[in-house]
Amino acid sequence: MEINKDLIAASSTPIVLAILAEGDSYGYAILKRVKELSGGRMAWTDGMLYPVLHRLERQGYVAAKWAASENGRRRKYYRITKDGRAQLAAQRQQWKAVDGTLRGIWMQACTV
């Protein structure tokens, strides 16, 4: 099943913030985590992820720093900020409202 690009774009902010709420991470690891969490149904690309990370950084929801990885290579690690955690909470409430609305209409449609 292919997930619509509009839905992927709309869900990118809460997904990235939620992954970073688990702990600091870098681009490739975030891409792997998205794929893992979605059971392989969402395979994001670098070209999709990095604009989201840069936007979240500009908005103050994410901070980045360069550091050496386990193998000594430099990587840019991202972490969620205090404002990012507040934004994640707001996003969670919004998605709960959307989910509840869809469940309600779909349940109603199934009984008609």
C-alpha atoms as a PDB file:
ATOM      1  CA  MET A   1       0.000   0.000   0.000  1.00  0.00           C
ATOM      2  CA  GLU A   2       1.356   3.394  -0.993  1.00  0.00           C
ATOM      3  CA  ILE A   3       0.629   6.252   1.396  1.00  0.00           C
ATOM      4  CA  ASN A   4      -0.473   9.508  -0.226  1.00  0.00           C
ATOM      5  CA  LYS A   5       2.274  12.166  -0.357  1.00  0.00           C
ATOM      6  CA  ASP A   6      -0.032  14.787   1.192  1.00  0.00           C
ATOM      7  CA  LEU A   7      -0.603  12.542   4.208  1.00  0.00           C
ATOM      8  CA  ILE A   8       3.116  11.876   4.533  1.00  0.00           C
ATOM      9  CA  ALA A   9       3.858  15.613   4.368  1.00  0.00           C
ATOM     10  CA  ALA A  10       1.164  16.425   6.937  1.00  0.00           C
ATOM     11  CA  SER A  11       2.446  13.799   9.362  1.00  0.00           C
ATOM     12  CA  SER A  12       6.162  14.546   8.994  1.00  0.00           C
ATOM     13  CA  THR A  13       6.403  17.123  11.793  1.00  0.00           C
ATOM     14  CA  PRO A  14       4.797  15.048  14.555  1.00  0.00           C
ATOM     15  CA  ILE A  15       6.660  11.924  13.429  1.00  0.00           C
ATOM     16  CA  VAL A  16      10.068  13.613  13.479  1.00  0.00           C
ATOM     17  CA  LEU A  17       9.385  15.339  16.802  1.00  0.00           C
ATOM     18  CA  ALA A  18       8.152  12.071  18.351  1.00  0.00           C
ATOM     19  CA  ILE A  19      11.256  10.208  17.173  1.00  0.00           C
ATOM     20  CA  LEU A  20      13.504  12.922  18.605  1.00  0.00           C
ATOM     21  CA  ALA A  21      11.527  12.802  21.861  1.00  0.00           C
ATOM     22  CA  GLU A  22      12.868   9.231  22.158  1.00  0.00           C
ATOM     23  CA  GLY A  23      16.408  10.626  22.063  1.00  0.00           C
ATOM     24  CA  ASP A  24      18.908  12.542  19.953  1.00  0.00           C
ATOM     25  CA  SER A  25      19.360  11.162  16.472  1.00  0.00           C
ATOM     26  CA  TYR A  26      20.844  11.810  13.034  1.00  0.00           C
ATOM     27  CA  GLY A  27      19.274  11.761   9.580  1.00  0.00           C
ATOM     28  CA  TYR A  28      19.893   8.172   8.503  1.00  0.00           C
ATOM     29  CA  ALA A  29      18.762   6.815  11.887  1.00  0.00           C
ATOM     30  CA  ILE A  30      15.562   8.880  11.674  1.00  0.00           C
ATOM     31  CA  LEU A  31      14.871   7.481   8.203  1.00  0.00           C
ATOM     32  CA  LYS A  32      15.386   3.933   9.516  1.00  0.00           C
ATOM     33  CA  ARG A  33      13.108   4.588  12.517  1.00  0.00           C
ATOM     34  CA  VAL A  34      10.292   5.909  10.292  1.00  0.00           C
ATOM     35  CA  LYS A  35      10.532   2.800   8.123  1.00  0.00           C
ATOM     36  CA  GLU A  36      10.596   0.559  11.207  1.00  0.00           C
ATOM     37  CA  LEU A  37       7.644   2.280  12.901  1.00  0.00           C
ATOM     38  CA  SER A  38       5.555   2.134   9.720  1.00  0.00           C
ATOM     39  CA  GLY A  39       6.290  -1.504   9.021  1.00  0.00           C
ATOM     40  CA  GLY A  40       8.056  -0.437   5.838  1.00  0.00           C
ATOM     41  CA  ARG A  41       5.054   1.466   4.452  1.00  0.00           C
ATOM     42  CA  MET A  42       6.759   4.844   4.818  1.00  0.00           C
ATOM     43  CA  ALA A  43      10.181   4.948   3.197  1.00  0.00           C
ATOM     44  CA  TRP A  44      11.255   8.562   3.438  1.00  0.00           C
ATOM     45  CA  THR A  45      14.187   9.936   1.461  1.00  0.00           C
ATOM     46  CA  ASP A  46      16.911  12.399   2.428  1.00  0.00           C
ATOM     47  CA  GLY A  47      15.241  14.921   0.138  1.00  0.00           C
ATOM     48  CA  MET A  48      12.061  14.688   2.185  1.00  0.00           C
ATOM     49  CA  LEU A  49      13.580  14.527   5.690  1.00  0.00           C
ATOM     50  CA  TYR A  50      16.220  17.265   5.653  1.00  0.00           C
ATOM     51  CA  PRO A  51      13.892  20.120   4.660  1.00  0.00           C
ATOM     52  CA  VAL A  52      11.642  19.086   7.577  1.00  0.00           C
ATOM     53  CA  LEU A  53      14.592  19.022  10.002  1.00  0.00           C
ATOM     54  CA  HIS A  54      15.849  22.401   8.770  1.00  0.00           C
ATOM     55  CA  ARG A  55      12.365  23.942   9.086  1.00  0.00           C
ATOM     56  CA  LEU A  56      11.975  22.557  12.620  1.00  0.00           C
ATOM     57  CA  GLU A  57      15.408  23.939  13.474  1.00  0.00           C
ATOM     58  CA  ARG A  58      14.464  27.410  12.150  1.00  0.00           C
ATOM     59  CA  GLN A  59      11.251  27.274  14.206  1.00  0.00           C
ATOM     60  CA  GLY A  60      13.238  26.442  17.354  1.00  0.00           C
ATOM     61  CA  TYR A  61      11.660  22.990  17.803  1.00  0.00           C
ATOM     62  CA  VAL A  62      14.888  21.143  17.052  1.00  0.00           C
ATOM     63  CA  ALA A  63      18.536  21.937  17.756  1.00  0.00           C
ATOM     64  CA  ALA A  64      21.470  20.411  15.888  1.00  0.00           C
ATOM     65  CA  LYS A  65      25.136  19.859  16.614  1.00  0.00           C
ATOM     66  CA  TRP A  66      27.993  18.133  14.874  1.00  0.00           C
ATOM     67  CA  ALA A  67      29.579  15.258  16.770  1.00  0.00           C
ATOM     68  CA  ALA A  68      31.662  12.176  16.097  1.00  0.00           C
ATOM     69  CA  SER A  69      29.766   8.934  15.629  1.00  0.00           C
ATOM     70  CA  GLU A  70      30.805   5.528  16.987  1.00  0.00           C
ATOM     71  CA  ASN A  71      33.012   4.988  13.932  1.00  0.00           C
ATOM     72  CA  GLY A  72      34.623   8.429  14.233  1.00  0.00           C
ATOM     73  CA  ARG A  73      32.783  10.057  11.328  1.00  0.00           C
ATOM     74  CA  ARG A  74      31.188  13.430  11.971  1.00  0.00           C
ATOM     75  CA  ARG A  75      27.407  13.469  11.953  1.00  0.00           C
ATOM     76  CA  LYS A  76      24.852  16.144  12.582  1.00  0.00           C
ATOM     77  CA  TYR A  77      22.750  15.078  15.568  1.00  0.00           C
ATOM     78  CA  TYR A  78      19.319  16.554  16.182  1.00  0.00           C
ATOM     79  CA  ARG A  79      17.533  16.909  19.506  1.00  0.00           C
ATOM     80  CA  ILE A  80      14.078  18.130  20.398  1.00  0.00           C
ATOM     81  CA  THR A  81      13.948  21.404  22.343  1.00  0.00           C
ATOM     82  CA  LYS A  82      11.570  22.498  25.091  1.00  0.00           C
ATOM     83  CA  ASP A  83       9.518  24.383  22.487  1.00  0.00           C
ATOM     84  CA  GLY A  84       9.620  21.267  20.314  1.00  0.00           C
ATOM     85  CA  ARG A  85       8.141  19.186  23.135  1.00  0.00           C
ATOM     86  CA  ALA A  86       5.335  21.735  23.518  1.00  0.00           C
ATOM     87  CA  GLN A  87       4.744  21.622  19.753  1.00  0.00           C
ATOM     88  CA  LEU A  88       4.701  17.813  19.850  1.00  0.00           C
ATOM     89  CA  ALA A  89       2.023  17.915  22.566  1.00  0.00           C
ATOM     90  CA  ALA A  90      -0.052  20.324  20.449  1.00  0.00           C
ATOM     91  CA  GLN A  91       0.411  18.146  17.360  1.00  0.00           C
ATOM     92  CA  ARG A  92      -0.636  15.078  19.348  1.00  0.00           C
ATOM     93  CA  GLN A  93      -3.903  16.763  20.343  1.00  0.00           C
ATOM     94  CA  GLN A  94      -4.589  17.823  16.761  1.00  0.00           C
ATOM     95  CA  TRP A  95      -3.944  14.337  15.402  1.00  0.00           C
ATOM     96  CA  LYS A  96      -6.188  12.821  18.084  1.00  0.00           C
ATOM     97  CA  ALA A  97      -9.002  15.118  16.913  1.00  0.00           C
ATOM     98  CA  VAL A  98      -8.449  14.141  13.267  1.00  0.00           C
ATOM     99  CA  ASP A  99      -8.248  10.450  14.181  1.00  0.00           C
ATOM    100  CA  GLY A 100     -11.430  10.648  16.252  1.00  0.00           C
ATOM    101  CA  THR A 101     -13.282  12.385  13.445  1.00  0.00           C
ATOM    102  CA  LEU A 102     -12.222   9.795  10.876  1.00  0.00           C
ATOM    103  CA  ARG A 103     -13.031   6.883  13.174  1.00  0.00           C
ATOM    104  CA  GLY A 104     -16.456   8.353  13.844  1.00  0.00           C
ATOM    105  CA  ILE A 105     -17.353   8.818  10.205  1.00  0.00           C
ATOM    106  CA  TRP A 106     -15.922   5.473   9.168  1.00  0.00           C
ATOM    107  CA  MET A 107     -17.798   3.634  11.929  1.00  0.00           C
ATOM    108  CA  GLN A 108     -20.980   5.391  10.880  1.00  0.00           C
ATOM    109  CA  ALA A 109     -20.346   4.489   7.225  1.00  0.00           C
ATOM    110  CA  CYS A 110     -19.871   0.825   8.157  1.00  0.00           C
ATOM    111  CA  THR A 111     -23.295   0.657   9.829  1.00  0.00           C
ATOM    112  CA  VAL A 112     -25.218   2.305   6.979  1.00  0.00           C
END
